[in-house]
Amino acid sequence: MTSSSLVNPQSSTKRLIVPLEPLSRGLLTKAGDFDEQFRLPMSFPAMPPGAVEVTNAYFKFRPGKTESNDHFRLRLFSSTGFHEFDFRLQVSLGSEPKSENTTNESG
């Protein structure tokens, strides 16, 4: 899967969602087991402890792919360092599951 632009849900203006280009290899240290790195176009204002800020991240499938079980790491930088959050995004693009009430017409 690839990452794409972020949109602030509180914003009254809509932004075009376009794919992000990967950063040059080795640009960020501690890339770990990840093949590609993306800089998400977002920032948060200084917040007091316990405050929460919300934003949306959109993902799309690579051409020809219809499922993903990819491992991601979100790395947030602050004035004192960075914080990492690992997660797995397991999704499949397909038709809706058949209803249990569907009858078998062949017999």
C-alpha atoms as a PDB file:
ATOM      1  CA  MET A   1       0.000   0.000   0.000  1.00  0.00           C
ATOM      2  CA  THR A   2       1.106   3.545  -0.481  1.00  0.00           C
ATOM      3  CA  SER A   3       0.418   6.530   1.652  1.00  0.00           C
ATOM      4  CA  SER A   4      -1.297   9.610   0.350  1.00  0.00           C
ATOM      5  CA  SER A   5      -2.000  13.147   1.436  1.00  0.00           C
ATOM      6  CA  LEU A   6      -3.699  13.987   4.709  1.00  0.00           C
ATOM      7  CA  VAL A   7      -6.828  16.066   5.150  1.00  0.00           C
ATOM      8  CA  ASN A   8      -7.785  17.842   8.388  1.00  0.00           C
ATOM      9  CA  PRO A   9     -11.388  16.804   9.250  1.00  0.00           C
ATOM     10  CA  GLN A  10     -12.058  20.145  10.989  1.00  0.00           C
ATOM     11  CA  SER A  11     -11.031  22.160   7.937  1.00  0.00           C
ATOM     12  CA  SER A  12     -13.834  23.690   5.896  1.00  0.00           C
ATOM     13  CA  THR A  13     -11.708  23.584   2.758  1.00  0.00           C
ATOM     14  CA  LYS A  14     -11.220  20.370   0.820  1.00  0.00           C
ATOM     15  CA  ARG A  15      -7.809  19.391  -0.485  1.00  0.00           C
ATOM     16  CA  LEU A  16      -7.028  17.236  -3.435  1.00  0.00           C
ATOM     17  CA  ILE A  17      -5.685  13.866  -2.307  1.00  0.00           C
ATOM     18  CA  VAL A  18      -2.589  12.989  -4.303  1.00  0.00           C
ATOM     19  CA  PRO A  19      -0.035  10.197  -3.801  1.00  0.00           C
ATOM     20  CA  LEU A  20       3.091  11.077  -1.853  1.00  0.00           C
ATOM     21  CA  GLU A  21       6.524  10.437  -3.283  1.00  0.00           C
ATOM     22  CA  PRO A  22       8.847   8.310  -1.113  1.00  0.00           C
ATOM     23  CA  LEU A  23      11.749  10.083   0.574  1.00  0.00           C
ATOM     24  CA  SER A  24      15.255   9.310  -0.613  1.00  0.00           C
ATOM     25  CA  ARG A  25      16.605   6.105   0.896  1.00  0.00           C
ATOM     26  CA  GLY A  26      18.458   6.697   4.132  1.00  0.00           C
ATOM     27  CA  LEU A  27      17.134  10.226   4.598  1.00  0.00           C
ATOM     28  CA  LEU A  28      15.810   9.384   8.048  1.00  0.00           C
ATOM     29  CA  THR A  29      17.852   7.313  10.456  1.00  0.00           C
ATOM     30  CA  LYS A  30      16.535   4.094  11.977  1.00  0.00           C
ATOM     31  CA  ALA A  31      14.404   3.162   8.995  1.00  0.00           C
ATOM     32  CA  GLY A  32      14.300  -0.378  10.348  1.00  0.00           C
ATOM     33  CA  ASP A  33      12.733  -3.022   8.144  1.00  0.00           C
ATOM     34  CA  PHE A  34      10.850  -0.549   5.970  1.00  0.00           C
ATOM     35  CA  ASP A  35      11.474  -0.206   2.246  1.00  0.00           C
ATOM     36  CA  GLU A  36       9.990   3.250   1.822  1.00  0.00           C
ATOM     37  CA  GLN A  37       9.593   6.365   3.943  1.00  0.00           C
ATOM     38  CA  PHE A  38       7.078   9.158   3.394  1.00  0.00           C
ATOM     39  CA  ARG A  39       6.888  12.608   4.947  1.00  0.00           C
ATOM     40  CA  LEU A  40       3.241  13.238   5.729  1.00  0.00           C
ATOM     41  CA  PRO A  41       2.233  16.865   5.113  1.00  0.00           C
ATOM     42  CA  MET A  42       0.931  17.535   8.610  1.00  0.00           C
ATOM     43  CA  SER A  43       1.932  19.277  11.789  1.00  0.00           C
ATOM     44  CA  PHE A  44       0.355  19.791  15.186  1.00  0.00           C
ATOM     45  CA  PRO A  45       0.526  22.903  17.340  1.00  0.00           C
ATOM     46  CA  ALA A  46       2.129  22.800  20.784  1.00  0.00           C
ATOM     47  CA  MET A  47      -0.343  21.086  23.096  1.00  0.00           C
ATOM     48  CA  PRO A  48      -0.623  20.687  26.854  1.00  0.00           C
ATOM     49  CA  PRO A  49      -0.223  17.197  28.346  1.00  0.00           C
ATOM     50  CA  GLY A  50      -3.250  15.015  27.704  1.00  0.00           C
ATOM     51  CA  ALA A  51      -4.474  17.046  24.735  1.00  0.00           C
ATOM     52  CA  VAL A  52      -5.562  15.202  21.597  1.00  0.00           C
ATOM     53  CA  GLU A  53      -5.329  16.301  17.970  1.00  0.00           C
ATOM     54  CA  VAL A  54      -7.089  14.467  15.122  1.00  0.00           C
ATOM     55  CA  THR A  55      -6.231  14.151  11.446  1.00  0.00           C
ATOM     56  CA  ASN A  56      -6.991  11.635   8.715  1.00  0.00           C
ATOM     57  CA  ALA A  57      -4.537   9.568   6.703  1.00  0.00           C
ATOM     58  CA  TYR A  58      -5.640   8.064   3.419  1.00  0.00           C
ATOM     59  CA  PHE A  59      -4.078   4.964   1.866  1.00  0.00           C
ATOM     60  CA  LYS A  60      -4.524   3.432  -1.546  1.00  0.00           C
ATOM     61  CA  PHE A  61      -3.563   0.144  -3.102  1.00  0.00           C
ATOM     62  CA  ARG A  62      -0.595  -0.069  -5.425  1.00  0.00           C
ATOM     63  CA  PRO A  63      -1.589  -0.726  -9.056  1.00  0.00           C
ATOM     64  CA  GLY A  64      -2.718  -4.322  -9.544  1.00  0.00           C
ATOM     65  CA  LYS A  65      -3.082  -5.029  -5.797  1.00  0.00           C
ATOM     66  CA  THR A  66      -6.391  -5.710  -4.047  1.00  0.00           C
ATOM     67  CA  GLU A  67      -5.257  -6.641  -0.536  1.00  0.00           C
ATOM     68  CA  SER A  68      -2.698  -5.638   2.052  1.00  0.00           C
ATOM     69  CA  ASN A  69      -1.276  -6.969   5.268  1.00  0.00           C
ATOM     70  CA  ASP A  70       1.430  -4.324   5.579  1.00  0.00           C
ATOM     71  CA  HIS A  71       3.356  -3.176   8.622  1.00  0.00           C
ATOM     72  CA  PHE A  72       3.626   0.599   9.095  1.00  0.00           C
ATOM     73  CA  ARG A  73       5.410   2.818  11.569  1.00  0.00           C
ATOM     74  CA  LEU A  74       4.198   6.329  12.320  1.00  0.00           C
ATOM     75  CA  ARG A  75       7.030   8.476  13.651  1.00  0.00           C
ATOM     76  CA  LEU A  76       6.135  11.812  15.232  1.00  0.00           C
ATOM     77  CA  PHE A  77       8.887  14.319  15.891  1.00  0.00           C
ATOM     78  CA  SER A  78       8.797  16.818  18.748  1.00  0.00           C
ATOM     79  CA  SER A  79      11.214  19.373  20.167  1.00  0.00           C
ATOM     80  CA  THR A  80      12.582  16.712  22.521  1.00  0.00           C
ATOM     81  CA  GLY A  81      12.833  13.723  20.180  1.00  0.00           C
ATOM     82  CA  PHE A  82      10.485  11.378  18.372  1.00  0.00           C
ATOM     83  CA  HIS A  83       7.778   8.868  19.217  1.00  0.00           C
ATOM     84  CA  GLU A  84       7.096   5.728  17.163  1.00  0.00           C
ATOM     85  CA  PHE A  85       3.827   3.857  16.748  1.00  0.00           C
ATOM     86  CA  ASP A  86       3.826   0.543  14.878  1.00  0.00           C
ATOM     87  CA  PHE A  87       0.649  -0.824  13.332  1.00  0.00           C
ATOM     88  CA  ARG A  88      -0.465  -3.361  10.736  1.00  0.00           C
ATOM     89  CA  LEU A  89      -3.047  -2.453   8.111  1.00  0.00           C
ATOM     90  CA  GLN A  90      -4.852  -5.575   6.950  1.00  0.00           C
ATOM     91  CA  VAL A  91      -7.486  -4.833   4.313  1.00  0.00           C
ATOM     92  CA  SER A  92      -8.912  -6.527   1.262  1.00  0.00           C
ATOM     93  CA  LEU A  93     -10.745  -4.883  -1.612  1.00  0.00           C
ATOM     94  CA  GLY A  94     -13.507  -7.111  -2.859  1.00  0.00           C
ATOM     95  CA  SER A  95     -17.196  -7.563  -3.286  1.00  0.00           C
ATOM     96  CA  GLU A  96     -19.503  -7.360  -0.317  1.00  0.00           C
ATOM     97  CA  PRO A  97     -20.068 -10.672   1.490  1.00  0.00           C
ATOM     98  CA  LYS A  98     -23.202 -12.533   0.466  1.00  0.00           C
ATOM     99  CA  SER A  99     -26.123 -12.292   2.845  1.00  0.00           C
ATOM    100  CA  GLU A 100     -27.042 -15.423   4.826  1.00  0.00           C
ATOM    101  CA  ASN A 101     -30.592 -14.986   3.508  1.00  0.00           C
ATOM    102  CA  THR A 102     -29.501 -15.543  -0.097  1.00  0.00           C
ATOM    103  CA  THR A 103     -31.160 -18.648  -1.520  1.00  0.00           C
ATOM    104  CA  ASN A 104     -29.431 -21.133  -3.737  1.00  0.00           C
ATOM    105  CA  GLU A 105     -31.230 -20.910  -7.080  1.00  0.00           C
ATOM    106  CA  SER A 106     -29.577 -24.039  -8.522  1.00  0.00           C
ATOM    107  CA  GLY A 107     -31.432 -26.440  -6.367  1.00  0.00           C
END
